[in-house]
Amino acid sequence: MCGNRFWYTTARRHGPSLAADIATAFSRPVSLDEVSVLAADGDVTVRRWLTDLGRSMA
């Protein structure tokens, strides 16, 4: 763990836009809670999007 919690604050602030971007990929509304569940379940699209987001914030 890096100890830098800035990424968490950034992700929380942009959560609604994150869900909106992923909803576009799925062509249907997606809540931020559903994004979390999909990521935990290993959804490839969501995990790739989150990985890209993490890299852009590094």
PDB file of N, CA and C in Angstrom:
ATOM      1  N   MET A   1       0.847  -1.183   0.000  1.00  0.00           N
ATOM      2  CA  MET A   1       0.000   0.000   0.000  1.00  0.00           C
ATOM      3  C   MET A   1       0.890   1.244   0.000  1.00  0.00           C
ATOM      4  N   CYS A   2       0.560   2.173  -0.842  1.00  0.00           N
ATOM      5  CA  CYS A   2       1.432   3.334  -1.009  1.00  0.00           C
ATOM      6  C   CYS A   2       1.280   4.372   0.102  1.00  0.00           C
ATOM      7  N   GLY A   3       0.160   4.373   0.806  1.00  0.00           N
ATOM      8  CA  GLY A   3      -0.045   5.374   1.841  1.00  0.00           C
ATOM      9  C   GLY A   3      -0.597   6.684   1.321  1.00  0.00           C
ATOM     10  N   ASN A   4      -0.568   6.879   0.018  1.00  0.00           N
ATOM     11  CA  ASN A   4      -1.106   8.091  -0.585  1.00  0.00           C
ATOM     12  C   ASN A   4      -2.586   7.887  -0.870  1.00  0.00           C
ATOM     13  N   ARG A   5      -3.427   8.606  -0.176  1.00  0.00           N
ATOM     14  CA  ARG A   5      -4.867   8.402  -0.312  1.00  0.00           C
ATOM     15  C   ARG A   5      -5.521   9.398  -1.275  1.00  0.00           C
ATOM     16  N   PHE A   6      -4.705  10.167  -1.973  1.00  0.00           N
ATOM     17  CA  PHE A   6      -5.242  11.134  -2.924  1.00  0.00           C
ATOM     18  C   PHE A   6      -6.078  10.451  -3.999  1.00  0.00           C
ATOM     19  N   TRP A   7      -5.644   9.282  -4.452  1.00  0.00           N
ATOM     20  CA  TRP A   7      -6.370   8.571  -5.511  1.00  0.00           C
ATOM     21  C   TRP A   7      -7.793   8.277  -5.071  1.00  0.00           C
ATOM     22  N   TYR A   8      -7.966   7.927  -3.786  1.00  0.00           N
ATOM     23  CA  TYR A   8      -9.304   7.593  -3.283  1.00  0.00           C
ATOM     24  C   TYR A   8     -10.201   8.828  -3.317  1.00  0.00           C
ATOM     25  N   THR A   9      -9.680   9.959  -2.899  1.00  0.00           N
ATOM     26  CA  THR A   9     -10.438  11.205  -2.935  1.00  0.00           C
ATOM     27  C   THR A   9     -10.819  11.552  -4.372  1.00  0.00           C
ATOM     28  N   THR A  10      -9.872  11.399  -5.276  1.00  0.00           N
ATOM     29  CA  THR A  10     -10.133  11.685  -6.685  1.00  0.00           C
ATOM     30  C   THR A  10     -11.204  10.754  -7.233  1.00  0.00           C
ATOM     31  N   ALA A  11     -11.089   9.474  -6.944  1.00  0.00           N
ATOM     32  CA  ALA A  11     -12.073   8.502  -7.430  1.00  0.00           C
ATOM     33  C   ALA A  11     -13.458   8.788  -6.865  1.00  0.00           C
ATOM     34  N   ARG A  12     -13.540   9.154  -5.594  1.00  0.00           N
ATOM     35  CA  ARG A  12     -14.840   9.470  -4.990  1.00  0.00           C
ATOM     36  C   ARG A  12     -15.450  10.707  -5.625  1.00  0.00           C
ATOM     37  N   ARG A  13     -14.622  11.691  -5.891  1.00  0.00           N
ATOM     38  CA  ARG A  13     -15.114  12.931  -6.488  1.00  0.00           C
ATOM     39  C   ARG A  13     -15.636  12.681  -7.897  1.00  0.00           C
ATOM     40  N   HIS A  14     -14.985  11.785  -8.627  1.00  0.00           N
ATOM     41  CA  HIS A  14     -15.349  11.541 -10.020  1.00  0.00           C
ATOM     42  C   HIS A  14     -16.190  10.274 -10.191  1.00  0.00           C
ATOM     43  N   GLY A  15     -16.664   9.716  -9.101  1.00  0.00           N
ATOM     44  CA  GLY A  15     -17.457   8.495  -9.160  1.00  0.00           C
ATOM     45  C   GLY A  15     -18.645   8.560 -10.108  1.00  0.00           C
ATOM     46  N   PRO A  16     -19.457   9.601 -10.024  1.00  0.00           N
ATOM     47  CA  PRO A  16     -20.594   9.679 -10.946  1.00  0.00           C
ATOM     48  C   PRO A  16     -20.177   9.694 -12.407  1.00  0.00           C
ATOM     49  N   SER A  17     -19.090  10.389 -12.744  1.00  0.00           N
ATOM     50  CA  SER A  17     -18.651  10.390 -14.138  1.00  0.00           C
ATOM     51  C   SER A  17     -18.052   9.035 -14.510  1.00  0.00           C
ATOM     52  N   LEU A  18     -17.436   8.368 -13.546  1.00  0.00           N
ATOM     53  CA  LEU A  18     -16.936   7.016 -13.773  1.00  0.00           C
ATOM     54  C   LEU A  18     -18.090   6.091 -14.151  1.00  0.00           C
ATOM     55  N   ALA A  19     -19.149   6.132 -13.372  1.00  0.00           N
ATOM     56  CA  ALA A  19     -20.320   5.300 -13.661  1.00  0.00           C
ATOM     57  C   ALA A  19     -20.925   5.668 -15.013  1.00  0.00           C
ATOM     58  N   ALA A  20     -20.944   6.945 -15.335  1.00  0.00           N
ATOM     59  CA  ALA A  20     -21.499   7.383 -16.624  1.00  0.00           C
ATOM     60  C   ALA A  20     -20.651   6.868 -17.784  1.00  0.00           C
ATOM     61  N   ASP A  21     -19.338   6.900 -17.645  1.00  0.00           N
ATOM     62  CA  ASP A  21     -18.463   6.396 -18.701  1.00  0.00           C
ATOM     63  C   ASP A  21     -18.646   4.894 -18.894  1.00  0.00           C
ATOM     64  N   ILE A  22     -18.740   4.171 -17.804  1.00  0.00           N
ATOM     65  CA  ILE A  22     -18.926   2.728 -17.897  1.00  0.00           C
ATOM     66  C   ILE A  22     -20.320   2.413 -18.430  1.00  0.00           C
ATOM     67  N   ALA A  23     -21.310   3.209 -18.056  1.00  0.00           N
ATOM     68  CA  ALA A  23     -22.670   3.022 -18.588  1.00  0.00           C
ATOM     69  C   ALA A  23     -22.671   3.163 -20.100  1.00  0.00           C
ATOM     70  N   THR A  24     -21.866   4.080 -20.614  1.00  0.00           N
ATOM     71  CA  THR A  24     -21.764   4.240 -22.065  1.00  0.00           C
ATOM     72  C   THR A  24     -21.231   2.956 -22.699  1.00  0.00           C
ATOM     73  N   ALA A  25     -20.239   2.347 -22.057  1.00  0.00           N
ATOM     74  CA  ALA A  25     -19.674   1.102 -22.577  1.00  0.00           C
ATOM     75  C   ALA A  25     -20.702  -0.029 -22.569  1.00  0.00           C
ATOM     76  N   PHE A  26     -21.585  -0.032 -21.571  1.00  0.00           N
ATOM     77  CA  PHE A  26     -22.607  -1.075 -21.451  1.00  0.00           C
ATOM     78  C   PHE A  26     -23.913  -0.713 -22.162  1.00  0.00           C
ATOM     79  N   SER A  27     -24.014   0.517 -22.632  1.00  0.00           N
ATOM     80  CA  SER A  27     -25.236   1.010 -23.300  1.00  0.00           C
ATOM     81  C   SER A  27     -26.468   0.925 -22.410  1.00  0.00           C
ATOM     82  N   ARG A  28     -26.257   1.162 -21.116  1.00  0.00           N
ATOM     83  CA  ARG A  28     -27.363   1.189 -20.156  1.00  0.00           C
ATOM     84  C   ARG A  28     -26.887   1.888 -18.891  1.00  0.00           C
ATOM     85  N   PRO A  29     -27.824   2.392 -18.083  1.00  0.00           N
ATOM     86  CA  PRO A  29     -27.417   3.032 -16.831  1.00  0.00           C
ATOM     87  C   PRO A  29     -26.698   2.054 -15.900  1.00  0.00           C
ATOM     88  N   VAL A  30     -25.657   2.541 -15.240  1.00  0.00           N
ATOM     89  CA  VAL A  30     -24.887   1.735 -14.296  1.00  0.00           C
ATOM     90  C   VAL A  30     -24.600   2.614 -13.079  1.00  0.00           C
ATOM     91  N   SER A  31     -24.935   2.128 -11.901  1.00  0.00           N
ATOM     92  CA  SER A  31     -24.660   2.884 -10.674  1.00  0.00           C
ATOM     93  C   SER A  31     -23.215   2.644 -10.239  1.00  0.00           C
ATOM     94  N   LEU A  32     -22.710   3.526  -9.397  1.00  0.00           N
ATOM     95  CA  LEU A  32     -21.363   3.362  -8.876  1.00  0.00           C
ATOM     96  C   LEU A  32     -21.276   2.088  -8.040  1.00  0.00           C
ATOM     97  N   ASP A  33     -22.345   1.756  -7.312  1.00  0.00           N
ATOM     98  CA  ASP A  33     -22.365   0.499  -6.553  1.00  0.00           C
ATOM     99  C   ASP A  33     -22.242  -0.700  -7.485  1.00  0.00           C
ATOM    100  N   GLU A  34     -22.933  -0.653  -8.619  1.00  0.00           N
ATOM    101  CA  GLU A  34     -22.839  -1.751  -9.581  1.00  0.00           C
ATOM    102  C   GLU A  34     -21.432  -1.839 -10.172  1.00  0.00           C
ATOM    103  N   VAL A  35     -20.792  -0.700 -10.395  1.00  0.00           N
ATOM    104  CA  VAL A  35     -19.421  -0.702 -10.888  1.00  0.00           C
ATOM    105  C   VAL A  35     -18.528  -1.460  -9.906  1.00  0.00           C
ATOM    106  N   SER A  36     -18.713  -1.218  -8.612  1.00  0.00           N
ATOM    107  CA  SER A  36     -17.928  -1.907  -7.591  1.00  0.00           C
ATOM    108  C   SER A  36     -18.156  -3.411  -7.638  1.00  0.00           C
ATOM    109  N   VAL A  37     -19.420  -3.813  -7.766  1.00  0.00           N
ATOM    110  CA  VAL A  37     -19.749  -5.241  -7.820  1.00  0.00           C
ATOM    111  C   VAL A  37     -19.159  -5.875  -9.076  1.00  0.00           C
ATOM    112  N   LEU A  38     -19.309  -5.199 -10.204  1.00  0.00           N
ATOM    113  CA  LEU A  38     -18.769  -5.726 -11.453  1.00  0.00           C
ATOM    114  C   LEU A  38     -17.248  -5.891 -11.379  1.00  0.00           C
ATOM    115  N   ALA A  39     -16.579  -4.918 -10.799  1.00  0.00           N
ATOM    116  CA  ALA A  39     -15.126  -5.000 -10.656  1.00  0.00           C
ATOM    117  C   ALA A  39     -14.744  -6.177  -9.757  1.00  0.00           C
ATOM    118  N   ALA A  40     -15.444  -6.317  -8.640  1.00  0.00           N
ATOM    119  CA  ALA A  40     -15.169  -7.418  -7.712  1.00  0.00           C
ATOM    120  C   ALA A  40     -15.432  -8.775  -8.354  1.00  0.00           C
ATOM    121  N   ASP A  41     -16.409  -8.829  -9.248  1.00  0.00           N
ATOM    122  CA  ASP A  41     -16.742 -10.076  -9.942  1.00  0.00           C
ATOM    123  C   ASP A  41     -15.819 -10.350 -11.124  1.00  0.00           C
ATOM    124  N   GLY A  42     -14.903  -9.418 -11.407  1.00  0.00           N
ATOM    125  CA  GLY A  42     -13.922  -9.630 -12.459  1.00  0.00           C
ATOM    126  C   GLY A  42     -14.358  -9.217 -13.852  1.00  0.00           C
ATOM    127  N   ASP A  43     -15.376  -8.352 -13.944  1.00  0.00           N
ATOM    128  CA  ASP A  43     -15.810  -7.897 -15.268  1.00  0.00           C
ATOM    129  C   ASP A  43     -14.641  -7.244 -15.996  1.00  0.00           C
ATOM    130  N   VAL A  44     -14.319  -7.763 -17.175  1.00  0.00           N
ATOM    131  CA  VAL A  44     -13.147  -7.319 -17.926  1.00  0.00           C
ATOM    132  C   VAL A  44     -13.244  -5.849 -18.324  1.00  0.00           C
ATOM    133  N   THR A  45     -14.401  -5.415 -18.795  1.00  0.00           N
ATOM    134  CA  THR A  45     -14.567  -4.028 -19.233  1.00  0.00           C
ATOM    135  C   THR A  45     -14.351  -3.062 -18.076  1.00  0.00           C
ATOM    136  N   VAL A  46     -14.984  -3.332 -16.948  1.00  0.00           N
ATOM    137  CA  VAL A  46     -14.872  -2.446 -15.783  1.00  0.00           C
ATOM    138  C   VAL A  46     -13.452  -2.455 -15.235  1.00  0.00           C
ATOM    139  N   ARG A  47     -12.866  -3.613 -15.132  1.00  0.00           N
ATOM    140  CA  ARG A  47     -11.511  -3.687 -14.577  1.00  0.00           C
ATOM    141  C   ARG A  47     -10.502  -2.997 -15.484  1.00  0.00           C
ATOM    142  N   ARG A  48     -10.674  -3.115 -16.787  1.00  0.00           N
ATOM    143  CA  ARG A  48      -9.774  -2.423 -17.720  1.00  0.00           C
ATOM    144  C   ARG A  48      -9.932  -0.910 -17.571  1.00  0.00           C
ATOM    145  N   TRP A  49     -11.181  -0.453 -17.457  1.00  0.00           N
ATOM    146  CA  TRP A  49     -11.437   0.971 -17.312  1.00  0.00           C
ATOM    147  C   TRP A  49     -10.821   1.489 -16.022  1.00  0.00           C
ATOM    148  N   LEU A  50     -10.989   0.754 -14.932  1.00  0.00           N
ATOM    149  CA  LEU A  50     -10.427   1.173 -13.645  1.00  0.00           C
ATOM    150  C   LEU A  50      -8.897   1.162 -13.676  1.00  0.00           C
ATOM    151  N   THR A  51      -8.322   0.182 -14.349  1.00  0.00           N
ATOM    152  CA  THR A  51      -6.857   0.128 -14.481  1.00  0.00           C
ATOM    153  C   THR A  51      -6.350   1.350 -15.239  1.00  0.00           C
ATOM    154  N   ASP A  52      -7.026   1.673 -16.339  1.00  0.00           N
ATOM    155  CA  ASP A  52      -6.639   2.857 -17.117  1.00  0.00           C
ATOM    156  C   ASP A  52      -6.781   4.129 -16.290  1.00  0.00           C
ATOM    157  N   LEU A  53      -7.854   4.209 -15.506  1.00  0.00           N
ATOM    158  CA  LEU A  53      -8.056   5.374 -14.638  1.00  0.00           C
ATOM    159  C   LEU A  53      -6.918   5.487 -13.633  1.00  0.00           C
ATOM    160  N   GLY A  54      -6.558   4.380 -13.024  1.00  0.00           N
ATOM    161  CA  GLY A  54      -5.447   4.378 -12.064  1.00  0.00           C
ATOM    162  C   GLY A  54      -4.137   4.818 -12.680  1.00  0.00           C
ATOM    163  N   ARG A  55      -3.878   4.348 -13.897  1.00  0.00           N
ATOM    164  CA  ARG A  55      -2.642   4.745 -14.575  1.00  0.00           C
ATOM    165  C   ARG A  55      -2.628   6.230 -14.904  1.00  0.00           C
ATOM    166  N   SER A  56      -3.799   6.768 -15.240  1.00  0.00           N
ATOM    167  CA  SER A  56      -3.849   8.191 -15.588  1.00  0.00           C
ATOM    168  C   SER A  56      -3.669   9.076 -14.372  1.00  0.00           C
ATOM    169  N   MET A  57      -3.944   8.542 -13.185  1.00  0.00           N
ATOM    170  CA  MET A  57      -3.809   9.327 -11.957  1.00  0.00           C
ATOM    171  C   MET A  57      -2.418   9.186 -11.347  1.00  0.00           C
ATOM    172  N   ALA A  58      -1.621   8.264 -11.858  1.00  0.00           N
ATOM    173  CA  ALA A  58      -0.283   8.031 -11.287  1.00  0.00           C
ATOM    174  C   ALA A  58       0.692   9.090 -11.718  1.00  0.00           C
TER     175      ALA A  58
END
